[in-house]
Each structure stands twice: as structure tokens, then as C-alpha cells.
Amino acid sequence: MKKSEFFFGQDIISLDQFNRKSVEKVFATASIIKKTSAKKLLKILQGKVVGLLFFEPSTRTFSSNCAAVKRLGGQTIEYQNPLLTSSVVKGETIEDTTKMIEQYCDAIVMRHPIVGTLKKVADVADIPVINAGDGIGEHPTQALLDMYTIYEKHKRLNNLKGLMVGDLLNGRTVHSLIRGLSIFPNNTIYLLSPKQLRLSEKDLEEAKRRKIKLVEIKSLDEIPPDCHFWYWTRVQKERFSDKQEYEKLKLSFILTKKLVDEKAGKNTLLMHPLPRVGEIETAVDSDQRAVYLTTEPKNGMYVRMALLKLILEK
């Protein structure tokens, strides 16, 4: 995939498509959109239709993409859980589903449980395809909104020190954010997870190739001071075949108010891609550094608006 700052007509499948200029272009566009009146925004995608096909459950990614299209004046064709509600039930292939939906739409936003499916969809589609989550692979728009949130707070994406906690093996948001931050120099990420859910050797080798420094730690006590962000994630129940193993691991590391008070810096962003299932105490929600229920999801809408504008507006 060619890296470029030019977006019109392009698919968004992986963070590997992005370079520093293209990331900055998305952020600049999102910042302009945030300041633009709702009336002017409605003209941007007037007459455009975007298909939303989500083969896995979603709250934020589905809703923010839907809101992004409509706030830009476009319309949506929506399929949540096509495995039960579309012709996939009858045995239709993903390629045929794609070719049908593109007859009605100007772009497709898709989430699918199998890694590699979005690349396959993009290869057969004649309209732009946006990856909204590809199994345990990547979630590029989530990474972009997280990077935008970090950038807004710290005014840079280089020379950062961050912490990632939870299900690092299965966490596509983690995989994408590491790829995104590797575009910028001198970033260090501390990794904390149960042994069974650490990043794969392949992922660790890939990070080394990308020259982003990853440091594995074993306990909450080893969290370094003054991180620019903490990125907590849930243990992903849907990726476990052994539910007893999931129950054993699901609350291995809990973000508590006490931990925040003792270990977080005054400017440390407390982040989570959500949903949470017990790994963040609700007492943390009111902390001014916590952005997972406020800034992160709102920025998700603005970043997706920016991408849709760049991809679809001539």
C-alpha cells in the first residue's frame, strides 16, 4: 500500500498506509471541522451514501461513523450483525455482499471478525472501503482518534512515553496504536499484560523493525512516572475458546483511583477504547485526566468526519 497524504478515493485499511504528512493532514482537517458550523458541514457529503456493515458488535465505532456521515450531510445504509440479517445467512460470500452494497453506496465502512477480510473487501470493491476493525488485526480509525487525542493534549506525537495495559495479544486497538506511534520518532511504550496475553513475538519483532521502543513490565508497581498517556484495555472474552481461562484473566489489572493518585502524572491522559468490563473503577471517571467517556469518543466522530471528507469530497 502506497503511503500518501492524498486521500480522495482511497481505502483506509491499515496504519501502514500513513506517513507523518498524511496523519497531520487528517488532524488538521479534524481541527477545522471542529470549528466549522453545522450548517456548512451539511454540504460536504450532500448526496453521498455510505454503507455501514458491522459483522461484530459495536457501540462507538458504529455510532460515530453514522453520526460522521450524517453531520456531513450524507446518508447511511446500515447493517448491524449481517450474519443474522443479510443474505450472508443464505451463504452469500463477502465478495458478493461487497459488490452488491457498492451499487448503492459511495463508500463502505466495515467491521469483520476475521483478520484479512477488509483487505479482501478492498480488493474487490470499486468504491473506498474503511476498516472499522479487522478481527485481532487492526483498527486504524481508532488509532487515529487516539493519536489525535494525545496530540491535542501534548502538542506532539514524538518523544512520548506511554503505558498499554490488558489484552495486548488480541487488542487490535493496541496493534494499530503502536503502528501509528511508530510513524513518529523516539516513542517508548511500556506493556503490561498477563503472560498469556502479551504481544506475540511477531508483533514484538515488527515493532523493533519499526524502531518504536517497547518495554515489557510485570506489575503495576513497575509503571514509570510521568507517562504522557495510559491506554487501558479489556480482556476480550470473544477471543477465548476457554471461558474459564477468560474468567481467570479478565481482571488481572484494574485501574483504580488509588493507582491514578499514586502513579499518574498531572498531565497523564487516562485512555481506553471501550467497552470496559470492570478493569476501570467508575471512581476514575470524574478525574480530569480521564478522557475515555468524553474526549476520545467525541474525537472519534471528528476524525471519521475528516477521513470521509478527504476520501469523498472532490
Protein backbone atom coordinates (compact mmCIF):
# COMPACT_ATOMS: atom_id res chain seq x y z
CA MET A 1 0.00 0.00 0.00
CA LYS A 2 1.39 3.32 -1.06
CA LYS A 3 1.86 5.89 1.68
CA SER A 4 0.43 9.26 0.73
CA GLU A 5 -1.07 12.46 2.08
CA PHE A 6 -3.60 12.40 -0.76
CA PHE A 7 -6.83 10.68 0.21
CA PHE A 8 -9.52 11.12 -2.45
CA GLY A 9 -10.93 7.74 -3.49
CA GLN A 10 -8.56 5.76 -1.23
CA ASP A 11 -9.29 2.82 1.05
CA ILE A 12 -8.32 3.06 4.73
CA ILE A 13 -7.29 -0.47 5.69
CA SER A 14 -4.10 -0.16 7.73
CA LEU A 15 -1.95 2.39 9.53
CA ASP A 16 0.79 1.22 7.18
CA GLN A 17 -0.79 3.46 4.54
CA PHE A 18 0.02 6.56 6.58
CA ASN A 19 3.11 8.69 6.85
CA ARG A 20 3.68 11.74 9.01
CA LYS A 21 2.20 14.14 6.44
CA SER A 22 -0.99 12.12 5.98
CA VAL A 23 -1.55 11.81 9.74
CA GLU A 24 -1.07 15.56 10.10
CA LYS A 25 -3.49 16.14 7.20
CA VAL A 26 -6.21 14.14 8.98
CA PHE A 27 -5.61 16.03 12.22
CA ALA A 28 -5.66 19.43 10.51
CA THR A 29 -8.92 18.54 8.76
CA ALA A 30 -10.49 17.30 12.02
CA SER A 31 -9.49 20.53 13.77
CA ILE A 32 -11.10 22.62 11.03
CA ILE A 33 -14.27 20.52 11.18
CA LYS A 34 -14.49 21.06 14.95
CA LYS A 35 -14.63 24.82 14.34
CA THR A 36 -17.00 24.76 11.35
CA SER A 37 -20.71 25.50 11.72
CA ALA A 38 -23.13 22.58 11.47
CA LYS A 39 -24.87 24.26 8.52
CA LYS A 40 -21.68 24.42 6.44
CA LEU A 41 -20.73 20.86 7.31
CA LEU A 42 -24.02 19.53 5.93
CA LYS A 43 -22.95 20.47 2.40
CA ILE A 44 -19.79 18.33 2.35
CA LEU A 45 -21.35 14.90 1.69
CA GLN A 46 -24.70 16.07 0.37
CA GLY A 47 -26.00 13.37 -1.98
CA LYS A 48 -23.50 10.75 -0.77
CA VAL A 49 -24.45 7.38 0.75
CA VAL A 50 -22.15 5.30 2.98
CA GLY A 51 -22.75 1.63 3.78
CA LEU A 52 -22.07 0.57 7.38
CA LEU A 53 -21.61 -3.22 7.61
CA PHE A 54 -20.69 -4.46 11.07
CA PHE A 55 -20.23 -8.23 11.39
CA GLU A 56 -19.21 -7.78 15.05
CA PRO A 57 -20.97 -5.79 17.80
CA SER A 58 -20.10 -2.11 18.14
CA THR A 59 -21.34 0.91 20.04
CA ARG A 60 -18.86 3.75 19.49
CA THR A 61 -17.37 2.88 16.09
CA PHE A 62 -20.77 2.22 14.50
CA SER A 63 -22.47 5.23 16.08
CA SER A 64 -19.63 7.67 15.43
CA ASN A 65 -19.36 6.64 11.77
CA CYS A 66 -23.12 7.01 11.41
CA ALA A 67 -23.02 10.44 13.08
CA ALA A 68 -19.99 11.46 10.99
CA VAL A 69 -21.78 10.73 7.71
CA LYS A 70 -24.98 12.47 8.75
CA ARG A 71 -23.26 15.53 10.24
CA LEU A 72 -21.58 15.96 6.85
CA GLY A 73 -24.95 15.82 5.09
CA GLY A 74 -24.71 12.23 3.82
CA GLN A 75 -26.97 9.23 4.31
CA THR A 76 -26.28 5.67 5.50
CA ILE A 77 -27.29 2.12 4.66
CA GLU A 78 -26.84 0.22 7.91
CA TYR A 79 -26.31 -3.47 8.64
CA GLN A 80 -25.56 -4.43 12.20
CA ASN A 81 -24.98 -8.15 12.58
CA PRO A 82 -25.30 -9.11 8.90
CA LEU A 83 -24.59 -12.71 9.94
CA LEU A 84 -28.23 -12.82 11.06
CA THR A 85 -29.95 -10.13 8.99
CA SER A 86 -28.47 -10.25 5.47
CA SER A 87 -28.05 -12.76 2.64
CA VAL A 88 -24.85 -13.94 4.37
CA VAL A 89 -27.28 -16.20 6.26
CA LYS A 90 -28.03 -17.86 2.91
CA GLY A 91 -24.36 -18.39 2.14
CA GLU A 92 -23.52 -15.23 0.22
CA THR A 93 -19.77 -14.59 0.11
CA ILE A 94 -18.19 -11.43 1.48
CA GLU A 95 -17.09 -10.58 -2.07
CA ASP A 96 -20.67 -10.77 -3.39
CA THR A 97 -22.01 -8.82 -0.42
CA THR A 98 -19.43 -6.11 -1.15
CA LYS A 99 -20.29 -5.92 -4.85
CA MET A 100 -24.00 -5.59 -4.04
CA ILE A 101 -23.60 -2.89 -1.40
CA GLU A 102 -21.31 -0.81 -3.61
CA GLN A 103 -24.12 -0.50 -6.18
CA TYR A 104 -25.98 1.64 -3.64
CA CYS A 105 -23.14 3.48 -1.91
CA ASP A 106 -20.21 5.83 -2.38
CA ALA A 107 -18.11 4.17 0.36
CA ILE A 108 -18.23 1.18 2.72
CA VAL A 109 -17.28 1.11 6.40
CA MET A 110 -16.92 -2.49 7.59
CA ARG A 111 -16.05 -4.42 10.75
CA HIS A 112 -15.37 -8.15 10.47
CA PRO A 113 -14.11 -10.82 12.92
CA ILE A 114 -11.60 -12.42 10.52
CA VAL A 115 -8.16 -10.84 10.03
CA GLY A 116 -7.51 -10.03 6.37
CA THR A 117 -11.16 -9.71 5.36
CA LEU A 118 -11.01 -5.93 4.91
CA LYS A 119 -8.06 -6.25 2.53
CA LYS A 120 -10.08 -8.80 0.56
CA VAL A 121 -13.11 -6.47 0.51
CA ALA A 122 -10.99 -3.52 -0.64
CA ASP A 123 -9.51 -5.63 -3.45
CA VAL A 124 -12.94 -6.38 -4.96
CA ALA A 125 -14.65 -3.03 -4.27
CA ASP A 126 -14.70 -0.19 -6.78
CA ILE A 127 -15.50 2.37 -4.07
CA PRO A 128 -13.46 3.33 -0.96
CA VAL A 129 -13.50 0.88 1.95
CA ILE A 130 -12.74 1.87 5.56
CA ASN A 131 -11.59 -0.75 8.06
CA ALA A 132 -13.67 -0.43 11.25
CA GLY A 133 -11.97 -3.37 12.95
CA ASP A 134 -10.44 -6.48 11.39
CA GLY A 135 -10.55 -9.35 13.91
CA ILE A 136 -7.48 -9.10 16.14
CA GLY A 137 -5.64 -7.32 13.32
CA GLU A 138 -6.07 -3.55 13.07
CA HIS A 139 -8.50 -0.74 13.85
CA PRO A 140 -6.90 2.22 12.05
CA THR A 141 -9.55 4.86 12.71
CA GLN A 142 -9.46 4.10 16.45
CA ALA A 143 -5.70 4.56 16.44
CA LEU A 144 -6.05 7.86 14.60
CA LEU A 145 -8.59 9.20 17.10
CA ASP A 146 -6.39 8.09 19.99
CA MET A 147 -3.35 9.74 18.40
CA TYR A 148 -5.38 12.90 17.80
CA THR A 149 -6.42 12.93 21.47
CA ILE A 150 -2.79 12.58 22.56
CA TYR A 151 -1.71 15.25 20.06
CA GLU A 152 -4.33 17.74 21.28
CA LYS A 153 -3.11 17.33 24.86
CA HIS A 154 0.66 17.16 24.40
CA LYS A 155 1.07 19.08 21.08
CA ARG A 156 3.29 16.36 19.61
CA LEU A 157 3.44 12.66 18.74
CA ASN A 158 7.19 12.19 19.12
CA ASN A 159 9.29 11.74 22.27
CA LEU A 160 6.31 10.26 24.11
CA LYS A 161 6.25 7.79 26.98
CA GLY A 162 3.09 5.69 27.19
CA LEU A 163 1.65 2.68 29.01
CA MET A 164 -0.55 -0.03 27.46
CA VAL A 165 -2.34 -2.48 29.74
CA GLY A 166 -4.59 -5.52 29.31
CA ASP A 167 -5.18 -7.86 26.37
CA LEU A 168 -2.26 -6.91 24.17
CA LEU A 169 -2.33 -10.16 22.19
CA ASN A 170 -5.89 -9.74 20.89
CA GLY A 171 -6.21 -5.96 21.10
CA ARG A 172 -6.48 -4.59 17.57
CA THR A 173 -6.63 -1.07 19.00
CA VAL A 174 -3.25 -1.71 20.67
CA HIS A 175 -1.74 -3.12 17.47
CA SER A 176 -2.89 -0.11 15.45
CA LEU A 177 -1.83 2.48 18.01
CA ILE A 178 1.67 1.01 18.18
CA ARG A 179 1.87 1.16 14.37
CA GLY A 180 0.59 4.73 14.38
CA LEU A 181 3.02 5.95 17.01
CA SER A 182 5.89 4.24 15.21
CA ILE A 183 5.46 6.79 12.40
CA PHE A 184 6.89 9.38 14.79
CA PRO A 185 10.38 9.16 16.34
CA ASN A 186 11.60 8.42 19.86
CA ASN A 187 8.43 6.95 21.37
CA THR A 188 8.57 4.42 24.21
CA ILE A 189 5.63 2.21 25.20
CA TYR A 190 5.55 0.18 28.42
CA LEU A 191 3.50 -3.03 28.10
CA LEU A 192 1.67 -4.68 30.99
CA SER A 193 -0.44 -7.79 30.47
CA PRO A 194 -0.99 -11.30 31.78
CA LYS A 195 1.70 -13.61 30.41
CA GLN A 196 -0.89 -15.38 28.24
CA LEU A 197 -1.96 -12.08 26.63
CA ARG A 198 1.36 -10.43 25.90
CA LEU A 199 2.13 -9.20 22.41
CA SER A 200 3.12 -12.02 20.07
CA GLU A 201 6.76 -12.48 19.14
CA LYS A 202 5.80 -11.45 15.62
CA ASP A 203 4.36 -8.17 16.92
CA LEU A 204 7.42 -7.52 19.07
CA GLU A 205 9.74 -8.15 16.13
CA GLU A 206 7.62 -5.89 13.93
CA ALA A 207 7.84 -3.08 16.50
CA LYS A 208 11.62 -3.48 16.62
CA ARG A 209 11.72 -3.16 12.83
CA ARG A 210 9.64 -0.01 13.06
CA LYS A 211 12.04 1.39 15.67
CA ILE A 212 9.46 2.02 18.35
CA LYS A 213 10.74 1.05 21.79
CA LEU A 214 8.56 -1.46 23.66
CA VAL A 215 9.35 -2.32 27.29
CA GLU A 216 7.50 -5.20 28.95
CA ILE A 217 6.82 -4.82 32.68
CA LYS A 218 5.31 -7.36 35.07
CA SER A 219 3.33 -5.40 37.67
CA LEU A 220 1.53 -2.15 38.42
CA ASP A 221 4.44 -1.27 40.70
CA GLU A 222 6.71 -1.02 37.65
CA ILE A 223 4.65 1.68 35.91
CA PRO A 224 7.10 4.52 35.22
CA PRO A 225 6.31 8.03 36.44
CA ASP A 226 5.00 10.84 34.25
CA CYS A 227 3.74 8.86 31.28
CA HIS A 228 2.04 11.01 28.67
CA PHE A 229 -0.81 8.51 28.46
CA TRP A 230 -2.12 5.28 29.96
CA TYR A 231 -4.02 3.10 27.50
CA TRP A 232 -6.05 0.54 29.43
CA THR A 233 -7.87 -2.25 27.53
CA ARG A 234 -10.29 -5.03 28.45
CA VAL A 235 -9.51 -8.73 28.22
CA GLN A 236 -11.52 -9.77 25.17
CA LYS A 237 -13.97 -12.50 26.10
CA GLU A 238 -14.96 -13.11 22.47
CA ARG A 239 -11.40 -14.22 21.60
CA PHE A 240 -11.33 -17.03 24.20
CA SER A 241 -12.37 -20.62 23.48
CA ASP A 242 -11.82 -21.50 27.15
CA LYS A 243 -14.21 -19.34 29.20
CA GLN A 244 -12.60 -20.44 32.50
CA GLU A 245 -9.31 -19.03 31.26
CA TYR A 246 -11.09 -15.75 30.46
CA GLU A 247 -12.61 -15.57 33.95
CA LYS A 248 -9.17 -16.13 35.46
CA LEU A 249 -7.54 -13.36 33.45
CA LYS A 250 -10.26 -10.75 32.91
CA LEU A 251 -9.46 -8.53 35.91
CA SER A 252 -5.72 -9.05 36.10
CA PHE A 253 -5.01 -5.30 36.15
CA ILE A 254 -7.59 -2.79 37.40
CA LEU A 255 -7.27 0.97 37.01
CA THR A 256 -8.24 2.35 40.43
CA LYS A 257 -8.45 5.85 41.79
CA LYS A 258 -5.68 4.92 44.23
CA LEU A 259 -3.40 3.84 41.39
CA VAL A 260 -4.08 7.06 39.48
CA ASP A 261 -3.34 9.16 42.54
CA GLU A 262 -0.10 7.31 43.25
CA LYS A 263 1.30 6.68 39.76
CA ALA A 264 -0.20 9.01 37.12
CA GLY A 265 1.39 12.34 36.31
CA LYS A 266 -0.65 15.54 36.43
CA ASN A 267 -0.81 15.56 32.60
CA THR A 268 -1.19 11.81 32.05
CA LEU A 269 -4.15 11.02 29.78
CA LEU A 270 -6.24 8.10 31.06
CA MET A 271 -7.47 6.35 27.92
CA HIS A 272 -9.49 3.25 26.98
CA PRO A 273 -11.00 2.24 23.61
CA LEU A 274 -14.06 0.84 25.44
CA PRO A 275 -16.19 -1.04 26.29
CA ARG A 276 -14.88 -1.59 29.79
CA VAL A 277 -15.93 -4.64 31.78
CA GLY A 278 -14.63 -3.93 35.27
CA GLU A 279 -10.99 -3.03 34.53
CA ILE A 280 -11.55 0.68 35.33
CA GLU A 281 -13.20 1.76 38.57
CA THR A 282 -16.05 4.21 37.98
CA ALA A 283 -14.40 6.41 40.61
CA VAL A 284 -11.76 7.25 37.98
CA ASP A 285 -14.38 8.67 35.60
CA SER A 286 -14.51 12.06 37.30
CA ASP A 287 -10.73 12.54 37.18
CA GLN A 288 -9.91 15.43 34.84
CA ARG A 289 -7.29 13.27 33.13
CA ALA A 290 -9.85 10.58 32.18
CA VAL A 291 -10.92 11.00 28.55
CA TYR A 292 -12.41 7.60 27.65
CA LEU A 293 -16.04 8.67 28.15
CA THR A 294 -15.67 12.19 26.78
CA THR A 295 -12.84 13.42 24.56
CA GLU A 296 -11.91 10.07 22.97
CA PRO A 297 -15.37 9.16 21.60
CA LYS A 298 -16.05 12.76 20.51
CA ASN A 299 -12.71 12.90 18.71
CA GLY A 300 -13.64 9.61 17.07
CA MET A 301 -16.53 11.34 15.33
CA TYR A 302 -14.37 14.28 14.23
CA VAL A 303 -11.56 12.09 12.90
CA ARG A 304 -14.04 9.93 10.98
CA MET A 305 -15.67 13.07 9.59
CA ALA A 306 -12.23 14.21 8.46
CA LEU A 307 -11.48 10.90 6.73
CA LEU A 308 -14.85 10.82 4.97
CA LYS A 309 -14.38 14.40 3.79
CA LEU A 310 -10.90 13.68 2.48
CA ILE A 311 -11.94 10.44 0.78
CA LEU A 312 -15.26 11.52 -0.75
CA GLU A 313 -15.16 15.28 -1.35
CA LYS A 314 -13.77 16.35 -4.74
